[in-house]
Amino acid sequence: MKYLNRFLLIAGCCWASVAVCCGCAALKEAGKGFAGVSTKVLEEGRPSAVKKSFLLDHDRCYLEVKKILSQKDKESPIYAQDPEGRMIAVYLASSDTTPVGIFFTPEANASTLIEISSPSIYAKEEIAGRIFSGLDALIKLQNPGKEN
């Protein structure tokens, strides 16, 4: 018990030192990284993201993307999501924990811009292909004869 208390004291001092030196935001991000749920690398990769706009309002687009990601034959587990529906972070597959971020930006005329970001070009293109083809098919069903 004596060693456990000493360990906890030392660990607490280390975390406090990191918080003082780096600030609370860095501590929060470090904690997310340790827990495996950090999305920082996905947010930083947005400039090189695969992008496409869809004629779907933000909420509908967000829900449809979640449906596409949960298809049993190609499930991509969600590990983080923004409460306002601006981002979903997934792993490429249940057996492949390459992170992929899907970002949603409302546009004019009830459209939504989707940006797919990942440190892996393959993962980014794989998820983009699934989502974009799924949404294109949905829009085509809703509007026969019209292109996206």
C-alpha atoms as a PDB file:
ATOM      1  CA  MET A   1       0.000   0.000   0.000  1.00  0.00           C
ATOM      2  CA  LYS A   2       2.882   2.305   0.836  1.00  0.00           C
ATOM      3  CA  TYR A   3       4.348   1.873  -2.684  1.00  0.00           C
ATOM      4  CA  LEU A   4       0.965   2.441  -4.348  1.00  0.00           C
ATOM      5  CA  ASN A   5       0.523   5.742  -2.505  1.00  0.00           C
ATOM      6  CA  ARG A   6       4.047   6.806  -3.481  1.00  0.00           C
ATOM      7  CA  PHE A   7       3.388   5.870  -7.121  1.00  0.00           C
ATOM      8  CA  LEU A   8       0.120   7.824  -7.178  1.00  0.00           C
ATOM      9  CA  LEU A   9       1.823  10.860  -5.642  1.00  0.00           C
ATOM     10  CA  ILE A  10       4.634  10.774  -8.218  1.00  0.00           C
ATOM     11  CA  ALA A  11       2.192  10.248 -11.100  1.00  0.00           C
ATOM     12  CA  GLY A  12       0.042  13.160  -9.897  1.00  0.00           C
ATOM     13  CA  CYS A  13       3.079  15.421  -9.664  1.00  0.00           C
ATOM     14  CA  CYS A  14       4.125  14.467 -13.197  1.00  0.00           C
ATOM     15  CA  TRP A  15       0.680  15.301 -14.609  1.00  0.00           C
ATOM     16  CA  ALA A  16       0.620  18.593 -12.691  1.00  0.00           C
ATOM     17  CA  SER A  17       4.053  19.486 -14.078  1.00  0.00           C
ATOM     18  CA  VAL A  18       2.923  18.771 -17.617  1.00  0.00           C
ATOM     19  CA  ALA A  19      -0.201  20.901 -17.087  1.00  0.00           C
ATOM     20  CA  VAL A  20       1.833  23.839 -15.781  1.00  0.00           C
ATOM     21  CA  CYS A  21       4.497  23.616 -18.516  1.00  0.00           C
ATOM     22  CA  CYS A  22       2.264  22.871 -21.509  1.00  0.00           C
ATOM     23  CA  GLY A  23      -1.117  24.230 -20.533  1.00  0.00           C
ATOM     24  CA  CYS A  24      -4.437  22.496 -20.059  1.00  0.00           C
ATOM     25  CA  ALA A  25      -5.176  22.072 -23.783  1.00  0.00           C
ATOM     26  CA  ALA A  26      -1.968  20.104 -24.304  1.00  0.00           C
ATOM     27  CA  LEU A  27      -2.748  17.988 -21.255  1.00  0.00           C
ATOM     28  CA  LYS A  28      -6.240  17.260 -22.565  1.00  0.00           C
ATOM     29  CA  GLU A  29      -4.850  16.269 -26.006  1.00  0.00           C
ATOM     30  CA  ALA A  30      -2.166  14.114 -24.368  1.00  0.00           C
ATOM     31  CA  GLY A  31      -4.860  12.339 -22.378  1.00  0.00           C
ATOM     32  CA  LYS A  32      -6.882  11.744 -25.534  1.00  0.00           C
ATOM     33  CA  GLY A  33      -3.787  10.383 -27.276  1.00  0.00           C
ATOM     34  CA  PHE A  34      -3.096   8.057 -24.366  1.00  0.00           C
ATOM     35  CA  ALA A  35      -6.699   6.850 -24.454  1.00  0.00           C
ATOM     36  CA  GLY A  36      -6.519   6.364 -28.227  1.00  0.00           C
ATOM     37  CA  VAL A  37      -9.191   8.933 -29.135  1.00  0.00           C
ATOM     38  CA  SER A  38      -7.168  11.956 -30.273  1.00  0.00           C
ATOM     39  CA  THR A  39      -8.359  13.610 -33.460  1.00  0.00           C
ATOM     40  CA  LYS A  40      -5.583  16.200 -33.692  1.00  0.00           C
ATOM     41  CA  VAL A  41      -3.769  14.457 -36.572  1.00  0.00           C
ATOM     42  CA  LEU A  42      -7.069  14.279 -38.483  1.00  0.00           C
ATOM     43  CA  GLU A  43      -7.782  17.982 -37.981  1.00  0.00           C
ATOM     44  CA  GLU A  44      -4.237  18.888 -39.031  1.00  0.00           C
ATOM     45  CA  GLY A  45      -4.669  16.841 -42.224  1.00  0.00           C
ATOM     46  CA  ARG A  46      -7.730  18.746 -43.450  1.00  0.00           C
ATOM     47  CA  PRO A  47      -5.807  20.849 -45.997  1.00  0.00           C
ATOM     48  CA  SER A  48      -4.973  17.648 -47.901  1.00  0.00           C
ATOM     49  CA  ALA A  49      -8.364  16.036 -47.355  1.00  0.00           C
ATOM     50  CA  VAL A  50     -10.469  14.473 -50.106  1.00  0.00           C
ATOM     51  CA  LYS A  51     -13.451  16.845 -50.512  1.00  0.00           C
ATOM     52  CA  LYS A  52     -16.851  16.738 -52.136  1.00  0.00           C
ATOM     53  CA  SER A  53     -20.117  18.663 -51.760  1.00  0.00           C
ATOM     54  CA  PHE A  54     -23.512  16.967 -51.658  1.00  0.00           C
ATOM     55  CA  LEU A  55     -27.022  18.307 -52.128  1.00  0.00           C
ATOM     56  CA  LEU A  56     -28.081  17.143 -48.681  1.00  0.00           C
ATOM     57  CA  ASP A  57     -28.628  19.303 -45.626  1.00  0.00           C
ATOM     58  CA  HIS A  58     -26.070  18.929 -42.839  1.00  0.00           C
ATOM     59  CA  ASP A  59     -28.152  16.785 -40.456  1.00  0.00           C
ATOM     60  CA  ARG A  60     -29.311  14.357 -43.148  1.00  0.00           C
ATOM     61  CA  CYS A  61     -25.800  14.093 -44.571  1.00  0.00           C
ATOM     62  CA  TYR A  62     -24.369  13.343 -41.116  1.00  0.00           C
ATOM     63  CA  LEU A  63     -26.945  10.603 -40.446  1.00  0.00           C
ATOM     64  CA  GLU A  64     -26.504   8.998 -43.869  1.00  0.00           C
ATOM     65  CA  VAL A  65     -22.710   8.905 -43.447  1.00  0.00           C
ATOM     66  CA  LYS A  66     -23.141   7.173 -40.076  1.00  0.00           C
ATOM     67  CA  LYS A  67     -25.364   4.570 -41.781  1.00  0.00           C
ATOM     68  CA  ILE A  68     -22.770   3.993 -44.503  1.00  0.00           C
ATOM     69  CA  LEU A  69     -20.003   3.583 -41.912  1.00  0.00           C
ATOM     70  CA  SER A  70     -22.011   0.991 -39.987  1.00  0.00           C
ATOM     71  CA  GLN A  71     -22.718  -1.370 -42.903  1.00  0.00           C
ATOM     72  CA  LYS A  72     -21.877  -4.868 -41.678  1.00  0.00           C
ATOM     73  CA  ASP A  73     -19.799  -5.892 -44.687  1.00  0.00           C
ATOM     74  CA  LYS A  74     -17.580  -2.788 -44.449  1.00  0.00           C
ATOM     75  CA  GLU A  75     -17.993  -1.501 -40.900  1.00  0.00           C
ATOM     76  CA  SER A  76     -15.716   1.334 -39.795  1.00  0.00           C
ATOM     77  CA  PRO A  77     -16.004   1.745 -35.999  1.00  0.00           C
ATOM     78  CA  ILE A  78     -16.619   5.292 -34.765  1.00  0.00           C
ATOM     79  CA  TYR A  79     -14.235   6.251 -31.954  1.00  0.00           C
ATOM     80  CA  ALA A  80     -15.045   9.964 -31.623  1.00  0.00           C
ATOM     81  CA  GLN A  81     -17.705  12.375 -32.829  1.00  0.00           C
ATOM     82  CA  ASP A  82     -18.482  16.025 -32.388  1.00  0.00           C
ATOM     83  CA  PRO A  83     -21.733  16.727 -30.500  1.00  0.00           C
ATOM     84  CA  GLU A  84     -22.756  19.320 -33.121  1.00  0.00           C
ATOM     85  CA  GLY A  85     -22.184  16.870 -35.970  1.00  0.00           C
ATOM     86  CA  ARG A  86     -19.167  18.620 -37.473  1.00  0.00           C
ATOM     87  CA  MET A  87     -16.871  15.574 -37.348  1.00  0.00           C
ATOM     88  CA  ILE A  88     -16.830  11.799 -37.079  1.00  0.00           C
ATOM     89  CA  ALA A  89     -13.577   9.933 -36.406  1.00  0.00           C
ATOM     90  CA  VAL A  90     -13.471   6.280 -37.413  1.00  0.00           C
ATOM     91  CA  TYR A  91     -11.031   3.441 -37.768  1.00  0.00           C
ATOM     92  CA  LEU A  92     -10.630   2.074 -41.275  1.00  0.00           C
ATOM     93  CA  ALA A  93     -12.011  -1.286 -40.120  1.00  0.00           C
ATOM     94  CA  SER A  94     -12.543  -3.279 -36.932  1.00  0.00           C
ATOM     95  CA  SER A  95      -9.226  -4.997 -37.563  1.00  0.00           C
ATOM     96  CA  ASP A  96      -7.377  -1.883 -38.832  1.00  0.00           C
ATOM     97  CA  THR A  97      -7.083   1.045 -36.437  1.00  0.00           C
ATOM     98  CA  THR A  98      -5.863   3.567 -39.007  1.00  0.00           C
ATOM     99  CA  PRO A  99      -7.728   6.782 -38.078  1.00  0.00           C
ATOM    100  CA  VAL A 100      -9.907   8.611 -40.586  1.00  0.00           C
ATOM    101  CA  GLY A 101     -11.738  11.874 -39.966  1.00  0.00           C
ATOM    102  CA  ILE A 102     -14.935  12.905 -41.718  1.00  0.00           C
ATOM    103  CA  PHE A 103     -15.669  16.627 -41.431  1.00  0.00           C
ATOM    104  CA  PHE A 104     -19.018  18.250 -42.305  1.00  0.00           C
ATOM    105  CA  THR A 105     -19.422  21.906 -43.304  1.00  0.00           C
ATOM    106  CA  PRO A 106     -22.873  23.293 -44.147  1.00  0.00           C
ATOM    107  CA  GLU A 107     -22.993  25.240 -47.418  1.00  0.00           C
ATOM    108  CA  ALA A 108     -25.569  27.359 -49.226  1.00  0.00           C
ATOM    109  CA  ASN A 109     -28.628  25.779 -50.883  1.00  0.00           C
ATOM    110  CA  ALA A 110     -28.898  23.001 -48.275  1.00  0.00           C
ATOM    111  CA  SER A 111     -25.614  21.435 -49.392  1.00  0.00           C
ATOM    112  CA  THR A 112     -22.876  19.965 -47.222  1.00  0.00           C
ATOM    113  CA  LEU A 113     -19.156  19.803 -47.863  1.00  0.00           C
ATOM    114  CA  ILE A 114     -17.558  16.555 -46.678  1.00  0.00           C
ATOM    115  CA  GLU A 115     -13.813  16.397 -46.081  1.00  0.00           C
ATOM    116  CA  ILE A 116     -12.087  13.030 -45.493  1.00  0.00           C
ATOM    117  CA  SER A 117      -8.730  13.260 -43.697  1.00  0.00           C
ATOM    118  CA  SER A 118      -6.232  10.597 -42.606  1.00  0.00           C
ATOM    119  CA  PRO A 119      -2.479  10.168 -42.240  1.00  0.00           C
ATOM    120  CA  SER A 120      -2.904   7.188 -44.606  1.00  0.00           C
ATOM    121  CA  ILE A 121      -3.653   7.966 -48.255  1.00  0.00           C
ATOM    122  CA  TYR A 122      -5.153   4.482 -48.695  1.00  0.00           C
ATOM    123  CA  ALA A 123      -7.478   4.870 -45.673  1.00  0.00           C
ATOM    124  CA  LYS A 124      -8.561   8.348 -46.766  1.00  0.00           C
ATOM    125  CA  GLU A 125      -9.381   7.177 -50.289  1.00  0.00           C
ATOM    126  CA  GLU A 126     -11.084   3.968 -49.126  1.00  0.00           C
ATOM    127  CA  ILE A 127     -13.443   5.775 -46.737  1.00  0.00           C
ATOM    128  CA  ALA A 128     -14.036   8.593 -49.243  1.00  0.00           C
ATOM    129  CA  GLY A 129     -14.945   6.035 -51.911  1.00  0.00           C
ATOM    130  CA  ARG A 130     -17.460   4.319 -49.635  1.00  0.00           C
ATOM    131  CA  ILE A 131     -19.072   7.529 -48.404  1.00  0.00           C
ATOM    132  CA  PHE A 132     -19.116   9.396 -51.699  1.00  0.00           C
ATOM    133  CA  SER A 133     -20.523   6.470 -53.699  1.00  0.00           C
ATOM    134  CA  GLY A 134     -23.122   5.780 -50.996  1.00  0.00           C
ATOM    135  CA  LEU A 135     -24.296   9.399 -50.922  1.00  0.00           C
ATOM    136  CA  ASP A 136     -24.265   9.653 -54.732  1.00  0.00           C
ATOM    137  CA  ALA A 137     -26.495   6.551 -54.908  1.00  0.00           C
ATOM    138  CA  LEU A 138     -28.863   7.997 -52.291  1.00  0.00           C
ATOM    139  CA  ILE A 139     -29.171  11.300 -54.152  1.00  0.00           C
ATOM    140  CA  LYS A 140     -29.709   9.503 -57.464  1.00  0.00           C
ATOM    141  CA  LEU A 141     -32.551   7.461 -55.898  1.00  0.00           C
ATOM    142  CA  GLN A 142     -34.161  10.621 -54.542  1.00  0.00           C
ATOM    143  CA  ASN A 143     -33.759  12.576 -57.783  1.00  0.00           C
ATOM    144  CA  PRO A 144     -33.880  10.213 -60.764  1.00  0.00           C
ATOM    145  CA  GLY A 145     -32.443  11.824 -63.874  1.00  0.00           C
ATOM    146  CA  LYS A 146     -30.558  14.558 -61.986  1.00  0.00           C
ATOM    147  CA  GLU A 147     -26.820  14.587 -61.326  1.00  0.00           C
ATOM    148  CA  ASN A 148     -25.207  15.649 -58.034  1.00  0.00           C
END
